[in-house]
Amino acid sequence: MTIMSVLAAMKDALLKVGGRAIWKPYFVRNCSCEGMAQHLFNVFNPMIREATKERVFITTVEVTEDSKNSATYISDSLPTT
């Protein structure tokens, strides 16, 4: 059984209890602070770039869980113009 099939089964189980009116499953492959920072960068940077016609972009995302756990994702490539 692959991780994707397990996630699909979990999603199906959640949707059986209340349907989409209650749940909107959103699975993130790596939900650590590091994984969330990278995921948020990958979601929001393209949105920001599109909305500003490439004038604005994200370089860093910082996620803080508490005073003992945080992570910063720094893009490894900057756009060239």
Protein backbone atom coordinates (compact mmCIF):
# COMPACT_ATOMS: atom_id res chain seq x y z
CA MET A 1 0.00 0.00 0.00
CA THR A 2 1.46 3.36 -1.02
CA ILE A 3 1.27 6.58 0.94
CA MET A 4 -1.03 8.01 -1.73
CA SER A 5 -3.49 5.13 -1.38
CA VAL A 6 -3.48 5.56 2.41
CA LEU A 7 -4.17 9.31 2.04
CA ALA A 8 -6.96 8.60 -0.46
CA ALA A 9 -8.56 6.15 1.98
CA MET A 10 -8.32 8.71 4.81
CA LYS A 11 -9.89 11.38 2.61
CA ASP A 12 -12.72 9.05 1.60
CA ALA A 13 -13.36 8.13 5.24
CA LEU A 14 -13.57 11.82 6.26
CA LEU A 15 -15.94 12.66 3.41
CA LYS A 16 -18.30 9.82 4.42
CA VAL A 17 -18.86 11.58 7.75
CA GLY A 18 -20.60 14.81 6.81
CA GLY A 19 -19.40 15.18 3.24
CA ARG A 20 -17.84 18.28 1.74
CA ALA A 21 -20.24 20.53 3.67
CA ILE A 22 -18.19 19.83 6.81
CA TRP A 23 -14.75 18.71 5.61
CA LYS A 24 -12.34 20.03 3.08
CA PRO A 25 -9.45 17.58 3.27
CA TYR A 26 -6.09 19.05 2.37
CA PHE A 27 -3.13 16.74 2.69
CA VAL A 28 0.43 17.95 2.95
CA ARG A 29 3.18 15.43 2.28
CA ASN A 30 5.44 16.75 5.07
CA CYS A 31 3.66 18.54 7.93
CA SER A 32 6.77 19.40 9.96
CA CYS A 33 7.61 23.08 10.31
CA GLU A 34 10.19 22.63 7.55
CA GLY A 35 7.71 20.89 5.28
CA MET A 36 4.97 23.44 5.94
CA ALA A 37 7.32 26.36 5.21
CA GLN A 38 8.32 24.82 1.87
CA HIS A 39 4.72 23.91 1.03
CA LEU A 40 3.47 27.43 1.77
CA PHE A 41 6.24 28.87 -0.40
CA ASN A 42 5.28 26.54 -3.27
CA VAL A 43 1.59 27.50 -2.95
CA PHE A 44 1.82 31.26 -2.41
CA ASN A 45 4.83 32.32 -4.48
CA PRO A 46 3.18 31.47 -7.83
CA MET A 47 -0.02 33.24 -6.70
CA ILE A 48 1.87 36.39 -5.69
CA ARG A 49 3.91 36.40 -8.89
CA GLU A 50 0.81 36.00 -11.06
CA ALA A 51 -1.19 38.63 -9.18
CA THR A 52 1.62 41.19 -9.51
CA LYS A 53 2.64 40.30 -13.08
CA GLU A 54 6.02 39.03 -11.82
CA ARG A 55 6.87 42.27 -9.98
CA VAL A 56 6.75 40.67 -6.51
CA PHE A 57 7.98 37.29 -5.36
CA ILE A 58 8.54 35.48 -2.07
CA THR A 59 12.08 34.63 -1.06
CA THR A 60 11.58 33.32 2.49
CA VAL A 61 8.80 31.71 4.52
CA GLU A 62 9.10 31.32 8.29
CA VAL A 63 6.82 28.96 10.24
CA THR A 64 6.76 29.04 14.03
CA GLU A 65 4.98 26.37 16.05
CA ASP A 66 6.12 27.52 19.47
CA SER A 67 9.21 28.96 21.15
CA LYS A 68 11.08 25.68 20.66
CA ASN A 69 10.10 24.75 17.11
CA SER A 70 10.31 26.85 13.99
CA ALA A 71 11.72 26.65 10.47
CA THR A 72 12.63 29.00 7.66
CA TYR A 73 12.44 28.04 4.01
CA ILE A 74 14.66 30.12 1.73
CA SER A 75 14.17 29.82 -2.01
CA ASP A 76 17.23 28.42 -3.74
CA SER A 77 16.59 30.43 -6.88
CA LEU A 78 15.64 34.05 -7.42
CA PRO A 79 13.84 35.15 -10.57
CA THR A 80 15.97 36.90 -13.15
CA THR A 81 14.64 39.89 -15.02
